[in-house]
């Protein structure tokens, strides 16, 4: 059974991908908790007004601009890749800066990770229930 054409499953799959991306950014922050000059990053939230403007433009062709993130020279010198950082920006909620310029606070990162895990668990349960309802509807039995 292919559920990719059903809107509710598409939405849940998209949200799961977003949560996965958030988890990757948090993991990168934790991995760089002791890197001098590293700034904690967050996933850029999509602005609905931009999406709406792109969809409703007069040419009919949506335009999506890829954000450009400058990698600090210190990070480039350490061999950092900007590939994961394409959809991220430096966190604006910085409460602590270490003497070496690092802005990663492990407690904040762990709280963010716990939130991502809770959202993912709730979404997985919702996905399972929707799949059960679909199986019941087509007579294959659902649990």
Foldseek 3Di string as FASTA:
>chain_A
DDPCVPVVVVVLVVVLVVLVLQLVLLVVLVVCQPPQQAFRKGFADDDVVLVVCQCPPPVNHGDDDFDDDDDDPSCVVVVDDCVSVRRMDGDPPFDDADPSRYRRDNVVSVVSNVVSVVVNVVSVVVVLVVVQVVCVVVVNHGD
